[in-house]
Amino acid sequence: MSQTQAILGYLQRGRTIDPQVALRLFGSFRLAARIKELKEVGYRISKEMVQARNGQRFARYRLAA
């Protein structure tokens, strides 16, 4: 199974994903690229920018309804 397919399955279970989760669970260093691939084949995915406790910002993705 490809990283993109694994990430899609994860999102289809109603979960959100961010770069740390993608790296830990799927070994994906390039979550934004995998999300772009899913969008290109028609999946509607929303992005929320989140600020971590240390002040860094990162994207959190979910399948749009």
N, C-alpha and C. Protein backbone atom coordinates (compact mmCIF):
# COMPACT_ATOMS: atom_id res chain seq x y z
N MET A 1 0.86 -1.18 0.00
CA MET A 1 0.00 0.00 0.00
C MET A 1 0.91 1.24 0.00
N SER A 2 0.57 2.21 -0.83
CA SER A 2 1.36 3.44 -0.88
C SER A 2 1.05 4.34 0.32
N GLN A 3 1.93 5.28 0.56
CA GLN A 3 1.68 6.25 1.63
C GLN A 3 0.39 7.01 1.37
N THR A 4 0.15 7.38 0.12
CA THR A 4 -1.05 8.14 -0.22
C THR A 4 -2.30 7.33 0.09
N GLN A 5 -2.31 6.07 -0.26
CA GLN A 5 -3.46 5.20 0.03
C GLN A 5 -3.64 5.04 1.54
N ALA A 6 -2.55 4.88 2.26
CA ALA A 6 -2.63 4.72 3.72
C ALA A 6 -3.19 5.99 4.37
N ILE A 7 -2.73 7.14 3.90
CA ILE A 7 -3.21 8.42 4.45
C ILE A 7 -4.69 8.60 4.13
N LEU A 8 -5.10 8.24 2.92
CA LEU A 8 -6.52 8.33 2.56
C LEU A 8 -7.36 7.44 3.48
N GLY A 9 -6.94 6.23 3.70
CA GLY A 9 -7.67 5.33 4.60
C GLY A 9 -7.80 5.91 5.99
N TYR A 10 -6.74 6.52 6.47
CA TYR A 10 -6.74 7.15 7.79
C TYR A 10 -7.76 8.28 7.84
N LEU A 11 -7.76 9.12 6.82
CA LEU A 11 -8.72 10.23 6.75
C LEU A 11 -10.16 9.73 6.61
N GLN A 12 -10.35 8.66 5.88
CA GLN A 12 -11.70 8.12 5.67
C GLN A 12 -12.29 7.56 6.96
N ARG A 13 -11.48 7.28 7.94
CA ARG A 13 -11.99 6.82 9.24
C ARG A 13 -12.39 8.00 10.13
N GLY A 14 -12.43 9.21 9.55
CA GLY A 14 -12.88 10.38 10.29
C GLY A 14 -11.81 11.06 11.11
N ARG A 15 -10.57 10.73 10.87
CA ARG A 15 -9.47 11.30 11.64
C ARG A 15 -8.86 12.49 10.93
N THR A 16 -8.14 13.29 11.69
CA THR A 16 -7.35 14.37 11.11
C THR A 16 -5.90 13.92 11.08
N ILE A 17 -5.12 14.56 10.20
CA ILE A 17 -3.71 14.20 10.11
C ILE A 17 -2.87 15.46 9.99
N ASP A 18 -1.72 15.42 10.62
CA ASP A 18 -0.76 16.51 10.54
C ASP A 18 0.61 15.89 10.24
N PRO A 19 1.61 16.71 9.97
CA PRO A 19 2.91 16.16 9.57
C PRO A 19 3.53 15.19 10.58
N GLN A 20 3.37 15.44 11.87
CA GLN A 20 3.93 14.53 12.87
C GLN A 20 3.27 13.15 12.81
N VAL A 21 1.95 13.14 12.69
CA VAL A 21 1.22 11.88 12.61
C VAL A 21 1.61 11.13 11.34
N ALA A 22 1.70 11.85 10.23
CA ALA A 22 2.05 11.23 8.95
C ALA A 22 3.43 10.59 9.01
N LEU A 23 4.36 11.27 9.65
CA LEU A 23 5.71 10.71 9.77
C LEU A 23 5.72 9.49 10.69
N ARG A 24 5.05 9.63 11.83
CA ARG A 24 5.07 8.54 12.82
C ARG A 24 4.35 7.28 12.31
N LEU A 25 3.18 7.45 11.69
CA LEU A 25 2.38 6.29 11.28
C LEU A 25 2.73 5.75 9.90
N PHE A 26 3.10 6.65 8.99
CA PHE A 26 3.25 6.23 7.59
C PHE A 26 4.64 6.49 7.01
N GLY A 27 5.54 7.08 7.79
CA GLY A 27 6.87 7.36 7.30
C GLY A 27 6.91 8.43 6.23
N SER A 28 5.89 9.27 6.19
CA SER A 28 5.80 10.30 5.16
C SER A 28 6.38 11.62 5.66
N PHE A 29 7.44 12.05 5.00
CA PHE A 29 8.04 13.35 5.31
C PHE A 29 7.35 14.47 4.54
N ARG A 30 6.53 14.13 3.54
CA ARG A 30 5.95 15.13 2.64
C ARG A 30 4.43 15.02 2.62
N LEU A 31 3.80 15.26 3.75
CA LEU A 31 2.35 15.15 3.84
C LEU A 31 1.64 16.07 2.86
N ALA A 32 2.10 17.30 2.70
CA ALA A 32 1.44 18.23 1.79
C ALA A 32 1.42 17.68 0.36
N ALA A 33 2.48 17.02 -0.05
CA ALA A 33 2.52 16.42 -1.39
C ALA A 33 1.52 15.28 -1.51
N ARG A 34 1.39 14.47 -0.46
CA ARG A 34 0.41 13.37 -0.50
C ARG A 34 -1.02 13.94 -0.54
N ILE A 35 -1.27 15.00 0.20
CA ILE A 35 -2.59 15.64 0.20
C ILE A 35 -2.88 16.20 -1.19
N LYS A 36 -1.88 16.81 -1.82
CA LYS A 36 -2.05 17.35 -3.18
C LYS A 36 -2.43 16.24 -4.15
N GLU A 37 -1.80 15.08 -4.03
CA GLU A 37 -2.13 13.95 -4.90
C GLU A 37 -3.59 13.54 -4.72
N LEU A 38 -4.05 13.52 -3.48
CA LEU A 38 -5.45 13.14 -3.22
C LEU A 38 -6.41 14.18 -3.80
N LYS A 39 -6.07 15.45 -3.66
CA LYS A 39 -6.91 16.51 -4.22
C LYS A 39 -6.97 16.43 -5.74
N GLU A 40 -5.86 16.09 -6.36
CA GLU A 40 -5.79 16.01 -7.82
C GLU A 40 -6.70 14.92 -8.39
N VAL A 41 -6.98 13.88 -7.61
CA VAL A 41 -7.89 12.83 -8.09
C VAL A 41 -9.31 13.04 -7.59
N GLY A 42 -9.57 14.20 -6.95
CA GLY A 42 -10.94 14.57 -6.63
C GLY A 42 -11.38 14.55 -5.18
N TYR A 43 -10.52 14.18 -4.27
CA TYR A 43 -10.92 14.19 -2.86
C TYR A 43 -10.93 15.63 -2.35
N ARG A 44 -11.97 15.95 -1.61
CA ARG A 44 -12.08 17.28 -0.99
C ARG A 44 -11.48 17.20 0.40
N ILE A 45 -10.40 17.92 0.60
CA ILE A 45 -9.68 17.88 1.87
C ILE A 45 -9.52 19.30 2.36
N SER A 46 -9.91 19.52 3.61
CA SER A 46 -9.78 20.86 4.18
C SER A 46 -8.51 20.93 5.03
N LYS A 47 -7.99 22.14 5.14
CA LYS A 47 -6.76 22.39 5.90
C LYS A 47 -7.04 23.42 6.98
N GLU A 48 -6.54 23.15 8.16
CA GLU A 48 -6.65 24.07 9.29
C GLU A 48 -5.21 24.34 9.76
N MET A 49 -4.87 25.59 9.92
CA MET A 49 -3.55 25.93 10.45
C MET A 49 -3.64 25.96 11.97
N VAL A 50 -2.71 25.26 12.61
CA VAL A 50 -2.72 25.09 14.06
C VAL A 50 -1.40 25.62 14.61
N GLN A 51 -1.45 26.23 15.79
CA GLN A 51 -0.23 26.70 16.43
C GLN A 51 0.10 25.78 17.60
N ALA A 52 1.30 25.24 17.57
CA ALA A 52 1.76 24.36 18.64
C ALA A 52 2.13 25.18 19.87
N ARG A 53 2.32 24.52 20.98
CA ARG A 53 2.68 25.21 22.23
C ARG A 53 3.99 25.97 22.11
N ASN A 54 4.89 25.49 21.24
CA ASN A 54 6.18 26.17 21.08
C ASN A 54 6.09 27.34 20.09
N GLY A 55 4.90 27.61 19.56
CA GLY A 55 4.69 28.74 18.67
C GLY A 55 4.76 28.41 17.19
N GLN A 56 5.25 27.22 16.86
CA GLN A 56 5.31 26.84 15.45
C GLN A 56 3.92 26.55 14.92
N ARG A 57 3.72 26.87 13.64
CA ARG A 57 2.43 26.60 13.01
C ARG A 57 2.57 25.44 12.04
N PHE A 58 1.50 24.63 11.94
CA PHE A 58 1.51 23.51 11.01
C PHE A 58 0.08 23.28 10.52
N ALA A 59 -0.03 22.55 9.43
CA ALA A 59 -1.33 22.27 8.83
C ALA A 59 -1.89 20.96 9.38
N ARG A 60 -3.18 20.94 9.60
CA ARG A 60 -3.92 19.74 9.99
C ARG A 60 -4.99 19.53 8.93
N TYR A 61 -5.06 18.33 8.38
CA TYR A 61 -5.97 18.04 7.28
C TYR A 61 -7.08 17.08 7.70
N ARG A 62 -8.23 17.23 7.01
CA ARG A 62 -9.36 16.30 7.21
C ARG A 62 -10.13 16.22 5.90
N LEU A 63 -10.84 15.13 5.71
CA LEU A 63 -11.72 15.02 4.55
C LEU A 63 -12.89 15.97 4.75
N ALA A 64 -13.19 16.74 3.72
CA ALA A 64 -14.32 17.67 3.79
C ALA A 64 -15.62 16.90 3.59
N ALA A 65 -16.65 17.36 4.24
CA ALA A 65 -17.95 16.69 4.15
C ALA A 65 -18.62 16.90 2.82
